Protein backbone atom coordinates (compact mmCIF):
# COMPACT_ATOMS: atom_id res chain seq x y z
CA MET A 1 -98.40 -71.93 -99.73
CA ALA A 2 -95.87 -73.17 -102.26
CA GLU A 3 -92.33 -74.05 -101.09
CA TYR A 4 -89.92 -71.40 -102.15
CA LYS A 5 -86.47 -73.11 -101.21
CA LEU A 6 -83.60 -74.28 -103.22
CA GLY A 7 -80.40 -76.59 -102.71
CA GLU A 8 -77.22 -75.24 -103.43
CA VAL A 9 -77.05 -76.94 -107.09
CA GLU A 10 -80.70 -75.99 -107.68
CA SER A 11 -79.65 -72.06 -107.43
CA ILE A 12 -76.51 -72.67 -109.53
CA PHE A 13 -78.99 -74.29 -112.20
CA ALA A 14 -81.56 -71.59 -111.61
CA ASP A 15 -79.43 -68.61 -112.03
CA ILE A 16 -77.86 -70.27 -115.39
CA ILE A 17 -81.63 -70.19 -116.73
CA TRP A 18 -82.31 -66.81 -115.23
CA ASN A 19 -79.11 -65.41 -116.60
CA ASN A 20 -79.35 -66.82 -120.09
CA GLU A 21 -83.51 -66.94 -120.61
CA PRO A 22 -84.98 -67.37 -122.94
CA LEU A 23 -82.96 -70.38 -123.92
CA SER A 24 -83.83 -73.75 -125.68
CA SER A 25 -83.39 -76.69 -123.58
CA ARG A 26 -80.49 -77.94 -125.42
CA ARG A 27 -78.24 -75.01 -125.17
CA LEU A 28 -79.28 -75.46 -121.02
CA ALA A 29 -77.73 -78.80 -121.39
CA GLU A 30 -74.70 -77.52 -122.67
CA LEU A 31 -74.11 -74.67 -119.82
CA ALA A 32 -75.36 -77.05 -117.44
CA GLU A 33 -72.64 -79.57 -118.60
CA GLU A 34 -70.30 -76.50 -118.56
CA ARG A 35 -70.67 -75.33 -115.37
CA LEU A 36 -72.09 -78.55 -112.98
CA ASN A 37 -70.46 -81.30 -115.19
CA TRP A 38 -74.15 -82.67 -115.51
CA LYS A 39 -75.22 -84.93 -118.42
CA ARG A 40 -78.34 -84.11 -120.44
CA THR A 41 -80.64 -86.32 -118.66
CA THR A 42 -79.76 -84.65 -115.22
CA THR A 43 -80.33 -81.33 -116.91
CA TYR A 44 -83.84 -82.38 -118.07
CA THR A 45 -84.48 -84.12 -114.72
CA ILE A 46 -83.72 -81.19 -112.65
CA LEU A 47 -85.70 -78.69 -115.08
CA LYS A 48 -88.62 -81.09 -115.05
CA ARG A 49 -88.46 -80.65 -111.08
CA LEU A 50 -88.59 -77.21 -111.15
CA CYS A 51 -91.15 -76.65 -113.52
CA ASP A 52 -93.52 -78.79 -111.41
CA ARG A 53 -92.64 -76.55 -108.62
CA GLY A 54 -93.82 -73.53 -110.74
CA LEU A 55 -90.85 -71.84 -111.07
CA PHE A 56 -89.79 -72.32 -114.58
CA ARG A 57 -91.46 -73.37 -118.16
CA ASN A 58 -90.20 -75.67 -120.80
CA GLN A 59 -92.44 -75.02 -123.63
CA ASP A 60 -91.86 -76.18 -127.07
CA GLY A 61 -88.13 -76.48 -126.29
CA THR A 62 -87.62 -72.99 -124.89
CA VAL A 63 -87.18 -72.71 -121.06
CA THR A 64 -88.36 -69.37 -119.38
CA SER A 65 -88.83 -68.44 -115.58
CA LEU A 66 -92.22 -68.40 -114.36
CA LEU A 67 -90.76 -66.34 -111.55
CA SER A 68 -88.05 -63.79 -111.44
CA ARG A 69 -85.24 -64.12 -109.34
CA GLU A 70 -86.35 -61.19 -107.43
CA GLU A 71 -89.88 -62.62 -107.28
CA PHE A 72 -88.65 -66.18 -105.90
CA TYR A 73 -86.40 -64.79 -103.33
CA ALA A 74 -88.96 -62.12 -102.27
CA ARG A 75 -91.53 -65.38 -102.01
CA ARG A 76 -88.82 -67.26 -100.21
CA SER A 77 -88.54 -64.37 -97.64
CA GLU A 78 -92.25 -64.22 -96.85
CA GLN A 79 -92.24 -67.79 -96.27
CA PHE A 80 -89.38 -67.77 -93.77
CA VAL A 81 -91.32 -65.28 -91.82
CA GLU A 82 -94.33 -67.26 -91.95
CA ASP A 83 -92.65 -70.41 -91.05
CA THR A 84 -90.55 -69.21 -88.35
CA PHE A 85 -92.54 -66.15 -86.94
CA GLN A 86 -96.27 -67.24 -87.60
CA GLY A 87 -96.14 -64.37 -90.44
CA SER A 88 -95.57 -61.55 -87.69
CA LEU A 89 -92.95 -59.22 -89.07
CA PRO A 90 -92.82 -57.24 -85.49
CA ALA A 91 -91.47 -60.75 -84.26
CA PHE A 92 -89.04 -61.11 -86.96
CA LEU A 93 -87.68 -57.43 -86.31
CA ALA A 94 -87.70 -58.11 -82.56
CA ALA A 95 -85.84 -61.15 -83.19
CA PHE A 96 -82.81 -59.07 -84.85
CA GLY A 97 -83.47 -56.05 -82.64
């Protein structure tokens, strides 16, 4: 199973992409500089990491998502239940009931 987890700064970066896609990698670097005070090289490094994890794609300088924000968080929730409660929804619900 893929790991559906983002750090705090990665979440902000992912939101920039989800809120503006499709966008050029150049525009993404500009937005990341404005919002996160990142240099272009940092943007491209983090973008590559998230592309390698299957969240986004940078094809011919255009950045798009492979998973929507909603799909990502749904899979993250499923992963949490799997990892914490061995995939048992009843056990998950019992923990909060």
